[in-house]
Amino acid sequence: MNELIQKIVEKTGISQDQAEKAVEMVAGFLKERLPGPIAGHLDSVLGQSGSAQGGSVADAAKNLGSKFGL
């Protein structure tokens, strides 16, 4: 998750605190609206290190997208 937060800070110029809140809000929003099994994977996709199974955030997003057939 830290990698995602840093990218948001770099691209938008908002503070780290604001970026953290934005990521947490989006994650919460997705957890509420995604089907249970997929929502349960969000914590592992947006883990503390910002990676899923040692990959980048982009890899994590790609893995999540594959669950939707994207």
PDB file of N, CA and C in Angstrom:
ATOM      1  N   MET A   1       0.828  -1.183   0.000  1.00  0.00           N
ATOM      2  CA  MET A   1       0.000   0.000   0.000  1.00  0.00           C
ATOM      3  C   MET A   1       0.869   1.242   0.000  1.00  0.00           C
ATOM      4  N   ASN A   2       2.052   1.158   0.601  1.00  0.00           N
ATOM      5  CA  ASN A   2       2.929   2.319   0.661  1.00  0.00           C
ATOM      6  C   ASN A   2       3.343   2.787  -0.722  1.00  0.00           C
ATOM      7  N   GLU A   3       3.575   1.834  -1.628  1.00  0.00           N
ATOM      8  CA  GLU A   3       3.953   2.203  -2.995  1.00  0.00           C
ATOM      9  C   GLU A   3       2.824   2.975  -3.672  1.00  0.00           C
ATOM     10  N   LEU A   4       1.595   2.526  -3.487  1.00  0.00           N
ATOM     11  CA  LEU A   4       0.436   3.204  -4.059  1.00  0.00           C
ATOM     12  C   LEU A   4       0.307   4.601  -3.482  1.00  0.00           C
ATOM     13  N   ILE A   5       0.463   4.737  -2.184  1.00  0.00           N
ATOM     14  CA  ILE A   5       0.365   6.043  -1.527  1.00  0.00           C
ATOM     15  C   ILE A   5       1.430   6.983  -2.077  1.00  0.00           C
ATOM     16  N   GLN A   6       2.662   6.494  -2.214  1.00  0.00           N
ATOM     17  CA  GLN A   6       3.745   7.328  -2.745  1.00  0.00           C
ATOM     18  C   GLN A   6       3.446   7.781  -4.169  1.00  0.00           C
ATOM     19  N   LYS A   7       2.910   6.898  -4.989  1.00  0.00           N
ATOM     20  CA  LYS A   7       2.574   7.266  -6.363  1.00  0.00           C
ATOM     21  C   LYS A   7       1.499   8.344  -6.384  1.00  0.00           C
ATOM     22  N   ILE A   8       0.525   8.234  -5.508  1.00  0.00           N
ATOM     23  CA  ILE A   8      -0.531   9.245  -5.436  1.00  0.00           C
ATOM     24  C   ILE A   8       0.060  10.586  -5.017  1.00  0.00           C
ATOM     25  N   VAL A   9       0.934  10.579  -4.013  1.00  0.00           N
ATOM     26  CA  VAL A   9       1.583  11.812  -3.557  1.00  0.00           C
ATOM     27  C   VAL A   9       2.367  12.447  -4.705  1.00  0.00           C
ATOM     28  N   GLU A  10       3.155  11.647  -5.414  1.00  0.00           N
ATOM     29  CA  GLU A  10       3.982  12.150  -6.508  1.00  0.00           C
ATOM     30  C   GLU A  10       3.149  12.714  -7.654  1.00  0.00           C
ATOM     31  N   LYS A  11       2.093  12.012  -8.014  1.00  0.00           N
ATOM     32  CA  LYS A  11       1.297  12.411  -9.177  1.00  0.00           C
ATOM     33  C   LYS A  11       0.338  13.563  -8.890  1.00  0.00           C
ATOM     34  N   THR A  12      -0.140  13.657  -7.640  1.00  0.00           N
ATOM     35  CA  THR A  12      -1.155  14.671  -7.336  1.00  0.00           C
ATOM     36  C   THR A  12      -0.630  15.843  -6.528  1.00  0.00           C
ATOM     37  N   GLY A  13       0.463  15.628  -5.794  1.00  0.00           N
ATOM     38  CA  GLY A  13       0.995  16.695  -4.957  1.00  0.00           C
ATOM     39  C   GLY A  13       0.287  16.832  -3.623  1.00  0.00           C
ATOM     40  N   ILE A  14      -0.631  15.916  -3.301  1.00  0.00           N
ATOM     41  CA  ILE A  14      -1.290  15.983  -1.995  1.00  0.00           C
ATOM     42  C   ILE A  14      -0.356  15.396  -0.935  1.00  0.00           C
ATOM     43  N   SER A  15      -0.663  15.652   0.315  1.00  0.00           N
ATOM     44  CA  SER A  15       0.191  15.160   1.398  1.00  0.00           C
ATOM     45  C   SER A  15       0.074  13.646   1.537  1.00  0.00           C
ATOM     46  N   GLN A  16       1.065  13.059   2.197  1.00  0.00           N
ATOM     47  CA  GLN A  16       1.049  11.616   2.440  1.00  0.00           C
ATOM     48  C   GLN A  16      -0.183  11.241   3.260  1.00  0.00           C
ATOM     49  N   ASP A  17      -0.521  12.049   4.252  1.00  0.00           N
ATOM     50  CA  ASP A  17      -1.686  11.776   5.095  1.00  0.00           C
ATOM     51  C   ASP A  17      -2.970  11.769   4.266  1.00  0.00           C
ATOM     52  N   GLN A  18      -3.105  12.736   3.364  1.00  0.00           N
ATOM     53  CA  GLN A  18      -4.291  12.785   2.512  1.00  0.00           C
ATOM     54  C   GLN A  18      -4.347  11.579   1.578  1.00  0.00           C
ATOM     55  N   ALA A  19      -3.193  11.185   1.036  1.00  0.00           N
ATOM     56  CA  ALA A  19      -3.148  10.029   0.137  1.00  0.00           C
ATOM     57  C   ALA A  19      -3.520   8.756   0.881  1.00  0.00           C
ATOM     58  N   GLU A  20      -3.019   8.608   2.126  1.00  0.00           N
ATOM     59  CA  GLU A  20      -3.369   7.429   2.932  1.00  0.00           C
ATOM     60  C   GLU A  20      -4.869   7.364   3.161  1.00  0.00           C
ATOM     61  N   LYS A  21      -5.465   8.495   3.503  1.00  0.00           N
ATOM     62  CA  LYS A  21      -6.916   8.534   3.736  1.00  0.00           C
ATOM     63  C   LYS A  21      -7.681   8.186   2.468  1.00  0.00           C
ATOM     64  N   ALA A  22      -7.197   8.680   1.324  1.00  0.00           N
ATOM     65  CA  ALA A  22      -7.867   8.388   0.056  1.00  0.00           C
ATOM     66  C   ALA A  22      -7.814   6.894  -0.263  1.00  0.00           C
ATOM     67  N   VAL A  23      -6.650   6.283  -0.077  1.00  0.00           N
ATOM     68  CA  VAL A  23      -6.509   4.854  -0.351  1.00  0.00           C
ATOM     69  C   VAL A  23      -7.397   4.038   0.585  1.00  0.00           C
ATOM     70  N   GLU A  24      -7.406   4.408   1.862  1.00  0.00           N
ATOM     71  CA  GLU A  24      -8.250   3.697   2.826  1.00  0.00           C
ATOM     72  C   GLU A  24      -9.726   3.846   2.478  1.00  0.00           C
ATOM     73  N   MET A  25     -10.128   5.041   2.036  1.00  0.00           N
ATOM     74  CA  MET A  25     -11.522   5.266   1.672  1.00  0.00           C
ATOM     75  C   MET A  25     -11.913   4.429   0.461  1.00  0.00           C
ATOM     76  N   VAL A  26     -11.056   4.411  -0.558  1.00  0.00           N
ATOM     77  CA  VAL A  26     -11.345   3.626  -1.761  1.00  0.00           C
ATOM     78  C   VAL A  26     -11.393   2.136  -1.429  1.00  0.00           C
ATOM     79  N   ALA A  27     -10.453   1.670  -0.618  1.00  0.00           N
ATOM     80  CA  ALA A  27     -10.440   0.255  -0.227  1.00  0.00           C
ATOM     81  C   ALA A  27     -11.727  -0.099   0.520  1.00  0.00           C
ATOM     82  N   GLY A  28     -12.143   0.758   1.433  1.00  0.00           N
ATOM     83  CA  GLY A  28     -13.390   0.512   2.163  1.00  0.00           C
ATOM     84  C   GLY A  28     -14.591   0.496   1.236  1.00  0.00           C
ATOM     85  N   PHE A  29     -14.613   1.429   0.298  1.00  0.00           N
ATOM     86  CA  PHE A  29     -15.696   1.502  -0.681  1.00  0.00           C
ATOM     87  C   PHE A  29     -15.774   0.207  -1.486  1.00  0.00           C
ATOM     88  N   LEU A  30     -14.611  -0.257  -1.965  1.00  0.00           N
ATOM     89  CA  LEU A  30     -14.587  -1.484  -2.754  1.00  0.00           C
ATOM     90  C   LEU A  30     -15.007  -2.696  -1.930  1.00  0.00           C
ATOM     91  N   LYS A  31     -14.553  -2.775  -0.688  1.00  0.00           N
ATOM     92  CA  LYS A  31     -14.914  -3.908   0.176  1.00  0.00           C
ATOM     93  C   LYS A  31     -16.422  -3.984   0.385  1.00  0.00           C
ATOM     94  N   GLU A  32     -17.063  -2.834   0.475  1.00  0.00           N
ATOM     95  CA  GLU A  32     -18.518  -2.811   0.686  1.00  0.00           C
ATOM     96  C   GLU A  32     -19.283  -3.257  -0.549  1.00  0.00           C
ATOM     97  N   ARG A  33     -18.715  -3.030  -1.730  1.00  0.00           N
ATOM     98  CA  ARG A  33     -19.465  -3.248  -2.953  1.00  0.00           C
ATOM     99  C   ARG A  33     -19.069  -4.479  -3.760  1.00  0.00           C
ATOM    100  N   LEU A  34     -17.878  -5.001  -3.515  1.00  0.00           N
ATOM    101  CA  LEU A  34     -17.455  -6.200  -4.240  1.00  0.00           C
ATOM    102  C   LEU A  34     -18.069  -7.449  -3.612  1.00  0.00           C
ATOM    103  N   PRO A  35     -18.238  -8.500  -4.396  1.00  0.00           N
ATOM    104  CA  PRO A  35     -18.704  -9.762  -3.817  1.00  0.00           C
ATOM    105  C   PRO A  35     -17.735 -10.220  -2.723  1.00  0.00           C
ATOM    106  N   GLY A  36     -18.276 -10.856  -1.697  1.00  0.00           N
ATOM    107  CA  GLY A  36     -17.502 -11.267  -0.533  1.00  0.00           C
ATOM    108  C   GLY A  36     -16.165 -11.920  -0.809  1.00  0.00           C
ATOM    109  N   PRO A  37     -16.117 -12.949  -1.645  1.00  0.00           N
ATOM    110  CA  PRO A  37     -14.830 -13.612  -1.882  1.00  0.00           C
ATOM    111  C   PRO A  37     -13.780 -12.669  -2.478  1.00  0.00           C
ATOM    112  N   ILE A  38     -14.200 -11.786  -3.352  1.00  0.00           N
ATOM    113  CA  ILE A  38     -13.256 -10.852  -3.968  1.00  0.00           C
ATOM    114  C   ILE A  38     -12.880  -9.758  -2.978  1.00  0.00           C
ATOM    115  N   ALA A  39     -13.856  -9.255  -2.243  1.00  0.00           N
ATOM    116  CA  ALA A  39     -13.580  -8.222  -1.240  1.00  0.00           C
ATOM    117  C   ALA A  39     -12.587  -8.730  -0.207  1.00  0.00           C
ATOM    118  N   GLY A  40     -12.654 -10.005   0.108  1.00  0.00           N
ATOM    119  CA  GLY A  40     -11.738 -10.592   1.072  1.00  0.00           C
ATOM    120  C   GLY A  40     -10.292 -10.585   0.600  1.00  0.00           C
ATOM    121  N   HIS A  41     -10.077 -10.516  -0.689  1.00  0.00           N
ATOM    122  CA  HIS A  41      -8.723 -10.499  -1.243  1.00  0.00           C
ATOM    123  C   HIS A  41      -8.104  -9.100  -1.231  1.00  0.00           C
ATOM    124  N   LEU A  42      -8.913  -8.080  -1.020  1.00  0.00           N
ATOM    125  CA  LEU A  42      -8.382  -6.719  -1.062  1.00  0.00           C
ATOM    126  C   LEU A  42      -7.274  -6.486  -0.042  1.00  0.00           C
ATOM    127  N   ASP A  43      -7.425  -7.021   1.142  1.00  0.00           N
ATOM    128  CA  ASP A  43      -6.393  -6.820   2.151  1.00  0.00           C
ATOM    129  C   ASP A  43      -5.059  -7.396   1.707  1.00  0.00           C
ATOM    130  N   SER A  44      -5.093  -8.541   1.060  1.00  0.00           N
ATOM    131  CA  SER A  44      -3.827  -9.110   0.590  1.00  0.00           C
ATOM    132  C   SER A  44      -3.289  -8.342  -0.611  1.00  0.00           C
ATOM    133  N   VAL A  45      -4.175  -7.839  -1.464  1.00  0.00           N
ATOM    134  CA  VAL A  45      -3.747  -7.065  -2.619  1.00  0.00           C
ATOM    135  C   VAL A  45      -3.163  -5.728  -2.189  1.00  0.00           C
ATOM    136  N   LEU A  46      -3.795  -5.088  -1.228  1.00  0.00           N
ATOM    137  CA  LEU A  46      -3.322  -3.796  -0.720  1.00  0.00           C
ATOM    138  C   LEU A  46      -2.641  -3.969   0.625  1.00  0.00           C
ATOM    139  N   GLY A  47      -1.773  -4.952   0.720  1.00  0.00           N
ATOM    140  CA  GLY A  47      -1.076  -5.235   1.970  1.00  0.00           C
ATOM    141  C   GLY A  47      -0.188  -4.100   2.418  1.00  0.00           C
ATOM    142  N   GLN A  48       0.361  -4.228   3.599  1.00  0.00           N
ATOM    143  CA  GLN A  48       1.203  -3.191   4.187  1.00  0.00           C
ATOM    144  C   GLN A  48       2.352  -2.782   3.275  1.00  0.00           C
ATOM    145  N   SER A  49       2.938  -3.728   2.572  1.00  0.00           N
ATOM    146  CA  SER A  49       4.097  -3.420   1.739  1.00  0.00           C
ATOM    147  C   SER A  49       3.710  -2.834   0.389  1.00  0.00           C
ATOM    148  N   GLY A  50       2.409  -2.807   0.105  1.00  0.00           N
ATOM    149  CA  GLY A  50       1.979  -2.298  -1.190  1.00  0.00           C
ATOM    150  C   GLY A  50       2.158  -3.303  -2.305  1.00  0.00           C
ATOM    151  N   SER A  51       2.348  -4.548  -1.941  1.00  0.00           N
ATOM    152  CA  SER A  51       2.542  -5.556  -2.966  1.00  0.00           C
ATOM    153  C   SER A  51       1.732  -6.784  -2.650  1.00  0.00           C
ATOM    154  N   ALA A  52       1.485  -7.534  -3.663  1.00  0.00           N
ATOM    155  CA  ALA A  52       0.800  -8.812  -3.497  1.00  0.00           C
ATOM    156  C   ALA A  52       1.782  -9.900  -3.892  1.00  0.00           C
ATOM    157  N   GLN A  53       2.108 -10.752  -2.962  1.00  0.00           N
ATOM    158  CA  GLN A  53       3.021 -11.858  -3.217  1.00  0.00           C
ATOM    159  C   GLN A  53       4.339 -11.358  -3.804  1.00  0.00           C
ATOM    160  N   GLY A  54       4.849 -10.254  -3.255  1.00  0.00           N
ATOM    161  CA  GLY A  54       6.149  -9.745  -3.664  1.00  0.00           C
ATOM    162  C   GLY A  54       6.145  -8.929  -4.936  1.00  0.00           C
ATOM    163  N   GLY A  55       4.994  -8.713  -5.564  1.00  0.00           N
ATOM    164  CA  GLY A  55       4.947  -7.948  -6.797  1.00  0.00           C
ATOM    165  C   GLY A  55       4.668  -6.482  -6.535  1.00  0.00           C
ATOM    166  N   SER A  56       4.523  -5.730  -7.597  1.00  0.00           N
ATOM    167  CA  SER A  56       4.239  -4.308  -7.473  1.00  0.00           C
ATOM    168  C   SER A  56       2.738  -4.091  -7.301  1.00  0.00           C
ATOM    169  N   VAL A  57       2.375  -2.855  -7.012  1.00  0.00           N
ATOM    170  CA  VAL A  57       0.956  -2.515  -6.910  1.00  0.00           C
ATOM    171  C   VAL A  57       0.279  -2.757  -8.249  1.00  0.00           C
ATOM    172  N   ALA A  58       0.979  -2.456  -9.342  1.00  0.00           N
ATOM    173  CA  ALA A  58       0.405  -2.704 -10.664  1.00  0.00           C
ATOM    174  C   ALA A  58       0.121  -4.188 -10.858  1.00  0.00           C
ATOM    175  N   ASP A  59       1.035  -5.031 -10.393  1.00  0.00           N
ATOM    176  CA  ASP A  59       0.810  -6.477 -10.475  1.00  0.00           C
ATOM    177  C   ASP A  59      -0.388  -6.880  -9.625  1.00  0.00           C
ATOM    178  N   ALA A  60      -0.506  -6.281  -8.447  1.00  0.00           N
ATOM    179  CA  ALA A  60      -1.624  -6.590  -7.566  1.00  0.00           C
ATOM    180  C   ALA A  60      -2.939  -6.196  -8.213  1.00  0.00           C
ATOM    181  N   ALA A  61      -2.978  -5.019  -8.836  1.00  0.00           N
ATOM    182  CA  ALA A  61      -4.191  -4.571  -9.511  1.00  0.00           C
ATOM    183  C   ALA A  61      -4.525  -5.497 -10.679  1.00  0.00           C
ATOM    184  N   LYS A  62      -3.492  -5.922 -11.395  1.00  0.00           N
ATOM    185  CA  LYS A  62      -3.698  -6.839 -12.513  1.00  0.00           C
ATOM    186  C   LYS A  62      -4.274  -8.157 -12.015  1.00  0.00           C
ATOM    187  N   ASN A  63      -3.757  -8.660 -10.894  1.00  0.00           N
ATOM    188  CA  ASN A  63      -4.269  -9.901 -10.318  1.00  0.00           C
ATOM    189  C   ASN A  63      -5.721  -9.757  -9.911  1.00  0.00           C
ATOM    190  N   LEU A  64      -6.067  -8.635  -9.303  1.00  0.00           N
ATOM    191  CA  LEU A  64      -7.453  -8.404  -8.911  1.00  0.00           C
ATOM    192  C   LEU A  64      -8.336  -8.303 -10.157  1.00  0.00           C
ATOM    193  N   GLY A  65      -7.834  -7.593 -11.170  1.00  0.00           N
ATOM    194  CA  GLY A  65      -8.591  -7.457 -12.417  1.00  0.00           C
ATOM    195  C   GLY A  65      -8.852  -8.796 -13.073  1.00  0.00           C
ATOM    196  N   SER A  66      -7.894  -9.708 -12.949  1.00  0.00           N
ATOM    197  CA  SER A  66      -8.072 -11.020 -13.565  1.00  0.00           C
ATOM    198  C   SER A  66      -9.220 -11.783 -12.924  1.00  0.00           C
ATOM    199  N   LYS A  67      -9.497 -11.500 -11.663  1.00  0.00           N
ATOM    200  CA  LYS A  67     -10.625 -12.140 -10.998  1.00  0.00           C
ATOM    201  C   LYS A  67     -11.954 -11.693 -11.589  1.00  0.00           C
ATOM    202  N   PHE A  68     -11.941 -10.523 -12.234  1.00  0.00           N
ATOM    203  CA  PHE A  68     -13.137  -9.992 -12.891  1.00  0.00           C
ATOM    204  C   PHE A  68     -13.132 -10.303 -14.388  1.00  0.00           C
ATOM    205  N   GLY A  69     -12.089 -10.985 -14.849  1.00  0.00           N
ATOM    206  CA  GLY A  69     -11.987 -11.280 -16.269  1.00  0.00           C
ATOM    207  C   GLY A  69     -11.510 -10.094 -17.081  1.00  0.00           C
ATOM    208  N   LEU A  70     -10.789  -9.168 -16.453  1.00  0.00           N
ATOM    209  CA  LEU A  70     -10.278  -7.989 -17.152  1.00  0.00           C
ATOM    210  C   LEU A  70      -8.861  -8.212 -17.614  1.00  0.00           C
TER     211      LEU A  70
END
